[in-house]
């Protein structure tokens, strides 16, 4: 798993000075935010408690703010780019704080489920590092955001690794049943519909 995280971070560094970072960032968040919320759901099932709805909603909202600010930054004027960039950096800090809150509540008594949660949070932590790596520096923001480099990030690679950890049996029947329904999708809803559900 470390190799996946390292490769992901290296891929992000190669796109840090690119307008392609906007779509890369969107792809990362489209997988990472639901993954964090899934972890909250696993904790809730394992502890026999309701999901922390407030934290789940905050994660979703903060991810949406990052996506919006990234798009705004990509098309901001030279004069407004540094200010939008600083707002984007603040939004990422809020999202990182969300991840820390998930880590604080991700404690269960069942050892196998705790191992699953630890592996999933480690994998998601790599995506948060990738998010911070892909965003251009706010210094000379207007010039940096206009350079074009291809973005090699693959959501399907992250989702495949995440799903393999997610569905590994724990011996806890409730957790094992719940995790089967929490898989991240590697393809868009349209692609899955066209393939009659054969794609994940």
C-alpha atoms as a PDB file:
ATOM      1  CA  UNK A   1       0.000   0.000   0.000  1.00  0.00           C
ATOM      2  CA  UNK A   2       2.898   2.370   0.665  1.00  0.00           C
ATOM      3  CA  UNK A   3       3.930   1.985  -2.970  1.00  0.00           C
ATOM      4  CA  UNK A   4       0.467   3.137  -4.072  1.00  0.00           C
ATOM      5  CA  UNK A   5       0.608   6.219  -1.833  1.00  0.00           C
ATOM      6  CA  UNK A   6       4.147   7.092  -2.936  1.00  0.00           C
ATOM      7  CA  UNK A   7       3.267   6.669  -6.617  1.00  0.00           C
ATOM      8  CA  UNK A   8       0.165   8.800  -6.128  1.00  0.00           C
ATOM      9  CA  UNK A   9       2.138  11.585  -4.483  1.00  0.00           C
ATOM     10  CA  UNK A  10       4.844  11.497  -7.166  1.00  0.00           C
ATOM     11  CA  UNK A  11       2.174  11.743  -9.830  1.00  0.00           C
ATOM     12  CA  UNK A  12       0.749  14.780  -8.101  1.00  0.00           C
ATOM     13  CA  UNK A  13       4.128  16.518  -7.898  1.00  0.00           C
ATOM     14  CA  UNK A  14       4.523  16.157 -11.653  1.00  0.00           C
ATOM     15  CA  UNK A  15       1.267  18.066 -12.196  1.00  0.00           C
ATOM     16  CA  UNK A  16       1.729  20.789  -9.603  1.00  0.00           C
ATOM     17  CA  UNK A  17       2.345  23.503 -12.208  1.00  0.00           C
ATOM     18  CA  UNK A  18      -0.480  22.557 -14.532  1.00  0.00           C
ATOM     19  CA  UNK A  19      -4.019  23.641 -15.286  1.00  0.00           C
ATOM     20  CA  UNK A  20      -4.662  19.890 -15.518  1.00  0.00           C
ATOM     21  CA  UNK A  21      -4.425  19.955 -11.726  1.00  0.00           C
ATOM     22  CA  UNK A  22      -8.056  21.150 -11.598  1.00  0.00           C
ATOM     23  CA  UNK A  23      -9.446  17.953 -13.101  1.00  0.00           C
ATOM     24  CA  UNK A  24      -6.922  15.899 -11.134  1.00  0.00           C
ATOM     25  CA  UNK A  25      -8.049  17.565  -7.914  1.00  0.00           C
ATOM     26  CA  UNK A  26     -11.686  16.937  -8.806  1.00  0.00           C
ATOM     27  CA  UNK A  27     -10.930  13.257  -9.466  1.00  0.00           C
ATOM     28  CA  UNK A  28      -9.091  12.855  -6.169  1.00  0.00           C
ATOM     29  CA  UNK A  29     -11.889  14.463  -4.171  1.00  0.00           C
ATOM     30  CA  UNK A  30     -14.551  12.453  -6.003  1.00  0.00           C
ATOM     31  CA  UNK A  31     -12.943   9.337  -4.527  1.00  0.00           C
ATOM     32  CA  UNK A  32     -11.405  10.639  -1.290  1.00  0.00           C
ATOM     33  CA  UNK A  33     -14.431  12.413   0.216  1.00  0.00           C
ATOM     34  CA  UNK A  34     -16.779   9.404  -0.165  1.00  0.00           C
ATOM     35  CA  UNK A  35     -13.976   7.198   1.196  1.00  0.00           C
ATOM     36  CA  UNK A  36     -13.786   9.298   4.370  1.00  0.00           C
ATOM     37  CA  UNK A  37     -17.554   9.124   4.761  1.00  0.00           C
ATOM     38  CA  UNK A  38     -17.430   5.342   4.241  1.00  0.00           C
ATOM     39  CA  UNK A  39     -14.997   5.095   7.148  1.00  0.00           C
ATOM     40  CA  UNK A  40     -17.508   6.932   9.340  1.00  0.00           C
ATOM     41  CA  UNK A  41     -20.170   4.423   8.265  1.00  0.00           C
ATOM     42  CA  UNK A  42     -17.951   1.454   9.119  1.00  0.00           C
ATOM     43  CA  UNK A  43     -17.256   2.912  12.573  1.00  0.00           C
ATOM     44  CA  UNK A  44     -20.986   3.474  13.127  1.00  0.00           C
ATOM     45  CA  UNK A  45     -21.889  -0.109  12.142  1.00  0.00           C
ATOM     46  CA  UNK A  46     -19.070  -1.599  14.235  1.00  0.00           C
ATOM     47  CA  UNK A  47     -20.089   0.408  17.303  1.00  0.00           C
ATOM     48  CA  UNK A  48     -23.838  -0.015  16.778  1.00  0.00           C
ATOM     49  CA  UNK A  49     -24.338   3.745  16.603  1.00  0.00           C
ATOM     50  CA  UNK A  50     -25.750   6.155  14.028  1.00  0.00           C
ATOM     51  CA  UNK A  51     -23.360   7.709  11.515  1.00  0.00           C
ATOM     52  CA  UNK A  52     -21.902  11.064  12.519  1.00  0.00           C
ATOM     53  CA  UNK A  53     -24.131  12.938  10.070  1.00  0.00           C
ATOM     54  CA  UNK A  54     -22.701  16.354  10.880  1.00  0.00           C
ATOM     55  CA  UNK A  55     -19.142  15.289  10.086  1.00  0.00           C
ATOM     56  CA  UNK A  56     -20.245  13.423   6.944  1.00  0.00           C
ATOM     57  CA  UNK A  57     -22.073  16.549   5.723  1.00  0.00           C
ATOM     58  CA  UNK A  58     -19.067  18.748   6.546  1.00  0.00           C
ATOM     59  CA  UNK A  59     -16.727  16.480   4.555  1.00  0.00           C
ATOM     60  CA  UNK A  60     -19.038  16.665   1.533  1.00  0.00           C
ATOM     61  CA  UNK A  61     -19.454  20.427   1.827  1.00  0.00           C
ATOM     62  CA  UNK A  62     -15.724  21.075   2.265  1.00  0.00           C
ATOM     63  CA  UNK A  63     -14.899  18.906  -0.768  1.00  0.00           C
ATOM     64  CA  UNK A  64     -17.431  20.872  -2.834  1.00  0.00           C
ATOM     65  CA  UNK A  65     -15.888  24.180  -1.718  1.00  0.00           C
ATOM     66  CA  UNK A  66     -12.428  22.981  -2.791  1.00  0.00           C
ATOM     67  CA  UNK A  67     -13.716  21.938  -6.225  1.00  0.00           C
ATOM     68  CA  UNK A  68     -15.480  25.271  -6.693  1.00  0.00           C
ATOM     69  CA  UNK A  69     -12.479  27.337  -5.620  1.00  0.00           C
ATOM     70  CA  UNK A  70     -10.127  25.286  -7.823  1.00  0.00           C
ATOM     71  CA  UNK A  71     -12.334  25.986 -10.850  1.00  0.00           C
ATOM     72  CA  UNK A  72     -12.529  29.679  -9.885  1.00  0.00           C
ATOM     73  CA  UNK A  73      -8.766  29.872  -9.474  1.00  0.00           C
ATOM     74  CA  UNK A  74      -8.157  28.297 -12.884  1.00  0.00           C
ATOM     75  CA  UNK A  75     -10.104  31.084 -14.603  1.00  0.00           C
ATOM     76  CA  UNK A  76      -9.389  33.981 -12.225  1.00  0.00           C
ATOM     77  CA  UNK A  77      -7.833  37.186 -13.512  1.00  0.00           C
ATOM     78  CA  UNK A  78      -4.199  37.882 -12.700  1.00  0.00           C
ATOM     79  CA  UNK A  79      -5.280  40.376 -10.061  1.00  0.00           C
ATOM     80  CA  UNK A  80      -7.693  38.075  -8.256  1.00  0.00           C
ATOM     81  CA  UNK A  81      -5.757  34.783  -8.620  1.00  0.00           C
ATOM     82  CA  UNK A  82      -3.623  35.179  -5.452  1.00  0.00           C
ATOM     83  CA  UNK A  83      -6.703  35.870  -3.299  1.00  0.00           C
ATOM     84  CA  UNK A  84      -8.630  32.905  -4.728  1.00  0.00           C
ATOM     85  CA  UNK A  85      -5.549  30.738  -4.244  1.00  0.00           C
ATOM     86  CA  UNK A  86      -5.393  31.671  -0.560  1.00  0.00           C
ATOM     87  CA  UNK A  87      -9.085  30.802  -0.176  1.00  0.00           C
ATOM     88  CA  UNK A  88      -8.382  27.454  -1.829  1.00  0.00           C
ATOM     89  CA  UNK A  89      -5.494  26.767   0.549  1.00  0.00           C
ATOM     90  CA  UNK A  90      -7.772  27.567   3.503  1.00  0.00           C
ATOM     91  CA  UNK A  91     -10.446  25.208   2.149  1.00  0.00           C
ATOM     92  CA  UNK A  92      -7.885  22.404   1.858  1.00  0.00           C
ATOM     93  CA  UNK A  93      -6.837  23.052   5.471  1.00  0.00           C
ATOM     94  CA  UNK A  94     -10.486  22.676   6.523  1.00  0.00           C
ATOM     95  CA  UNK A  95     -10.692  19.388   4.604  1.00  0.00           C
ATOM     96  CA  UNK A  96      -7.491  18.151   6.284  1.00  0.00           C
ATOM     97  CA  UNK A  97      -9.064  18.992   9.635  1.00  0.00           C
ATOM     98  CA  UNK A  98     -12.054  16.844   8.600  1.00  0.00           C
ATOM     99  CA  UNK A  99      -9.697  13.941   8.021  1.00  0.00           C
ATOM    100  CA  UNK A 100      -8.214  14.397  11.484  1.00  0.00           C
ATOM    101  CA  UNK A 101     -11.713  14.354  12.990  1.00  0.00           C
ATOM    102  CA  UNK A 102     -12.420  11.079  11.188  1.00  0.00           C
ATOM    103  CA  UNK A 103      -9.212   9.614  12.616  1.00  0.00           C
ATOM    104  CA  UNK A 104     -10.257  10.686  16.120  1.00  0.00           C
ATOM    105  CA  UNK A 105     -13.635   8.921  15.930  1.00  0.00           C
ATOM    106  CA  UNK A 106     -12.386   5.879  13.965  1.00  0.00           C
ATOM    107  CA  UNK A 107     -11.934   3.657  17.000  1.00  0.00           C
ATOM    108  CA  UNK A 108     -13.733   0.333  17.409  1.00  0.00           C
ATOM    109  CA  UNK A 109     -13.272  -2.565  19.823  1.00  0.00           C
ATOM    110  CA  UNK A 110     -13.177  -5.310  17.168  1.00  0.00           C
ATOM    111  CA  UNK A 111      -9.491  -5.816  16.226  1.00  0.00           C
ATOM    112  CA  UNK A 112     -10.128  -6.970  12.635  1.00  0.00           C
ATOM    113  CA  UNK A 113     -12.442  -4.048  11.912  1.00  0.00           C
ATOM    114  CA  UNK A 114      -9.946  -1.636  13.490  1.00  0.00           C
ATOM    115  CA  UNK A 115      -7.242  -3.018  11.191  1.00  0.00           C
ATOM    116  CA  UNK A 116      -9.517  -2.447   8.187  1.00  0.00           C
ATOM    117  CA  UNK A 117     -10.225   1.117   9.323  1.00  0.00           C
ATOM    118  CA  UNK A 118      -6.507   1.801   9.855  1.00  0.00           C
ATOM    119  CA  UNK A 119      -5.606   0.522   6.386  1.00  0.00           C
ATOM    120  CA  UNK A 120      -8.384   2.580   4.785  1.00  0.00           C
ATOM    121  CA  UNK A 121      -7.444   5.768   6.633  1.00  0.00           C
ATOM    122  CA  UNK A 122      -3.778   5.296   5.650  1.00  0.00           C
ATOM    123  CA  UNK A 123      -4.798   4.977   2.008  1.00  0.00           C
ATOM    124  CA  UNK A 124      -7.056   8.046   2.196  1.00  0.00           C
ATOM    125  CA  UNK A 125      -4.246   9.987   3.902  1.00  0.00           C
ATOM    126  CA  UNK A 126      -2.229   9.486   0.720  1.00  0.00           C
ATOM    127  CA  UNK A 127      -4.960  11.178  -1.305  1.00  0.00           C
ATOM    128  CA  UNK A 128      -4.952  14.167   1.038  1.00  0.00           C
ATOM    129  CA  UNK A 129      -1.191  14.483   0.509  1.00  0.00           C
ATOM    130  CA  UNK A 130      -1.857  14.317  -3.225  1.00  0.00           C
ATOM    131  CA  UNK A 131      -4.432  17.114  -2.963  1.00  0.00           C
ATOM    132  CA  UNK A 132      -1.959  19.442  -1.269  1.00  0.00           C
ATOM    133  CA  UNK A 133       0.787  18.503  -3.738  1.00  0.00           C
ATOM    134  CA  UNK A 134      -1.266  19.224  -6.848  1.00  0.00           C
ATOM    135  CA  UNK A 135      -2.378  22.759  -5.916  1.00  0.00           C
ATOM    136  CA  UNK A 136      -0.029  25.474  -7.234  1.00  0.00           C
ATOM    137  CA  UNK A 137       1.746  27.769  -4.828  1.00  0.00           C
ATOM    138  CA  UNK A 138      -0.038  31.055  -4.185  1.00  0.00           C
ATOM    139  CA  UNK A 139       3.183  32.926  -4.970  1.00  0.00           C
ATOM    140  CA  UNK A 140       3.113  33.861  -8.658  1.00  0.00           C
ATOM    141  CA  UNK A 141      -0.237  32.065  -8.787  1.00  0.00           C
ATOM    142  CA  UNK A 142      -1.413  33.627 -12.044  1.00  0.00           C
ATOM    143  CA  UNK A 143       1.673  32.473 -13.965  1.00  0.00           C
ATOM    144  CA  UNK A 144       1.911  29.002 -12.427  1.00  0.00           C
ATOM    145  CA  UNK A 145      -1.705  27.998 -13.069  1.00  0.00           C
ATOM    146  CA  UNK A 146      -1.389  28.526 -16.836  1.00  0.00           C
ATOM    147  CA  UNK A 147       1.318  25.917 -17.522  1.00  0.00           C
ATOM    148  CA  UNK A 148      -0.091  22.748 -19.116  1.00  0.00           C
ATOM    149  CA  UNK A 149       1.189  19.295 -18.157  1.00  0.00           C
ATOM    150  CA  UNK A 150      -0.741  16.027 -18.447  1.00  0.00           C
ATOM    151  CA  UNK A 151      -2.170  14.657 -15.203  1.00  0.00           C
ATOM    152  CA  UNK A 152      -1.387  10.950 -14.696  1.00  0.00           C
ATOM    153  CA  UNK A 153      -3.624  10.394 -11.649  1.00  0.00           C
ATOM    154  CA  UNK A 154      -5.940   7.393 -11.880  1.00  0.00           C
ATOM    155  CA  UNK A 155      -9.061   7.276  -9.734  1.00  0.00           C
ATOM    156  CA  UNK A 156      -9.613   3.673 -10.792  1.00  0.00           C
ATOM    157  CA  UNK A 157      -6.245   2.645  -9.272  1.00  0.00           C
ATOM    158  CA  UNK A 158      -7.102   4.285  -5.959  1.00  0.00           C
ATOM    159  CA  UNK A 159     -10.637   2.845  -6.006  1.00  0.00           C
ATOM    160  CA  UNK A 160      -9.376  -0.664  -6.765  1.00  0.00           C
ATOM    161  CA  UNK A 161      -6.966  -0.616  -3.816  1.00  0.00           C
ATOM    162  CA  UNK A 162      -9.537   0.971  -1.538  1.00  0.00           C
ATOM    163  CA  UNK A 163     -12.220  -1.557  -2.511  1.00  0.00           C
ATOM    164  CA  UNK A 164      -9.899  -4.529  -2.000  1.00  0.00           C
ATOM    165  CA  UNK A 165      -9.266  -3.410   1.592  1.00  0.00           C
ATOM    166  CA  UNK A 166     -12.899  -2.435   2.103  1.00  0.00           C
ATOM    167  CA  UNK A 167     -14.414  -5.823   1.237  1.00  0.00           C
ATOM    168  CA  UNK A 168     -11.811  -8.004   2.994  1.00  0.00           C
ATOM    169  CA  UNK A 169     -13.738 -10.039   5.597  1.00  0.00           C
ATOM    170  CA  UNK A 170     -13.405  -9.039   9.250  1.00  0.00           C
ATOM    171  CA  UNK A 171     -15.567 -11.757  10.813  1.00  0.00           C
ATOM    172  CA  UNK A 172     -17.986  -9.073  12.009  1.00  0.00           C
ATOM    173  CA  UNK A 173     -21.158  -9.931  10.066  1.00  0.00           C
ATOM    174  CA  UNK A 174     -22.655  -6.431  10.276  1.00  0.00           C
ATOM    175  CA  UNK A 175     -19.449  -4.734   9.121  1.00  0.00           C
ATOM    176  CA  UNK A 176     -18.858  -7.267   6.334  1.00  0.00           C
ATOM    177  CA  UNK A 177     -22.416  -6.801   5.027  1.00  0.00           C
ATOM    178  CA  UNK A 178     -22.156  -3.007   5.168  1.00  0.00           C
ATOM    179  CA  UNK A 179     -18.779  -2.747   3.450  1.00  0.00           C
ATOM    180  CA  UNK A 180     -20.007  -4.708   0.435  1.00  0.00           C
ATOM    181  CA  UNK A 181     -22.354  -1.770  -0.273  1.00  0.00           C
ATOM    182  CA  UNK A 182     -19.741   0.963   0.227  1.00  0.00           C
ATOM    183  CA  UNK A 183     -17.454   0.254  -2.724  1.00  0.00           C
ATOM    184  CA  UNK A 184     -16.088   3.239  -4.599  1.00  0.00           C
ATOM    185  CA  UNK A 185     -17.006   3.253  -8.271  1.00  0.00           C
ATOM    186  CA  UNK A 186     -14.171   3.268 -10.783  1.00  0.00           C
ATOM    187  CA  UNK A 187     -16.425   4.362 -13.653  1.00  0.00           C
ATOM    188  CA  UNK A 188     -19.050   7.071 -14.038  1.00  0.00           C
ATOM    189  CA  UNK A 189     -22.732   6.321 -13.473  1.00  0.00           C
ATOM    190  CA  UNK A 190     -23.297   6.650 -17.240  1.00  0.00           C
ATOM    191  CA  UNK A 191     -20.540   4.136 -18.036  1.00  0.00           C
ATOM    192  CA  UNK A 192     -21.998   1.674 -15.517  1.00  0.00           C
ATOM    193  CA  UNK A 193     -25.484   2.078 -16.984  1.00  0.00           C
ATOM    194  CA  UNK A 194     -24.271   1.546 -20.560  1.00  0.00           C
ATOM    195  CA  UNK A 195     -22.426  -1.605 -19.430  1.00  0.00           C
ATOM    196  CA  UNK A 196     -25.605  -2.870 -17.693  1.00  0.00           C
ATOM    197  CA  UNK A 197     -23.886  -2.915 -14.305  1.00  0.00           C
ATOM    198  CA  UNK A 198     -20.889  -5.005 -15.402  1.00  0.00           C
ATOM    199  CA  UNK A 199     -18.505  -2.133 -14.620  1.00  0.00           C
ATOM    200  CA  UNK A 200     -17.831  -1.114 -11.046  1.00  0.00           C
END
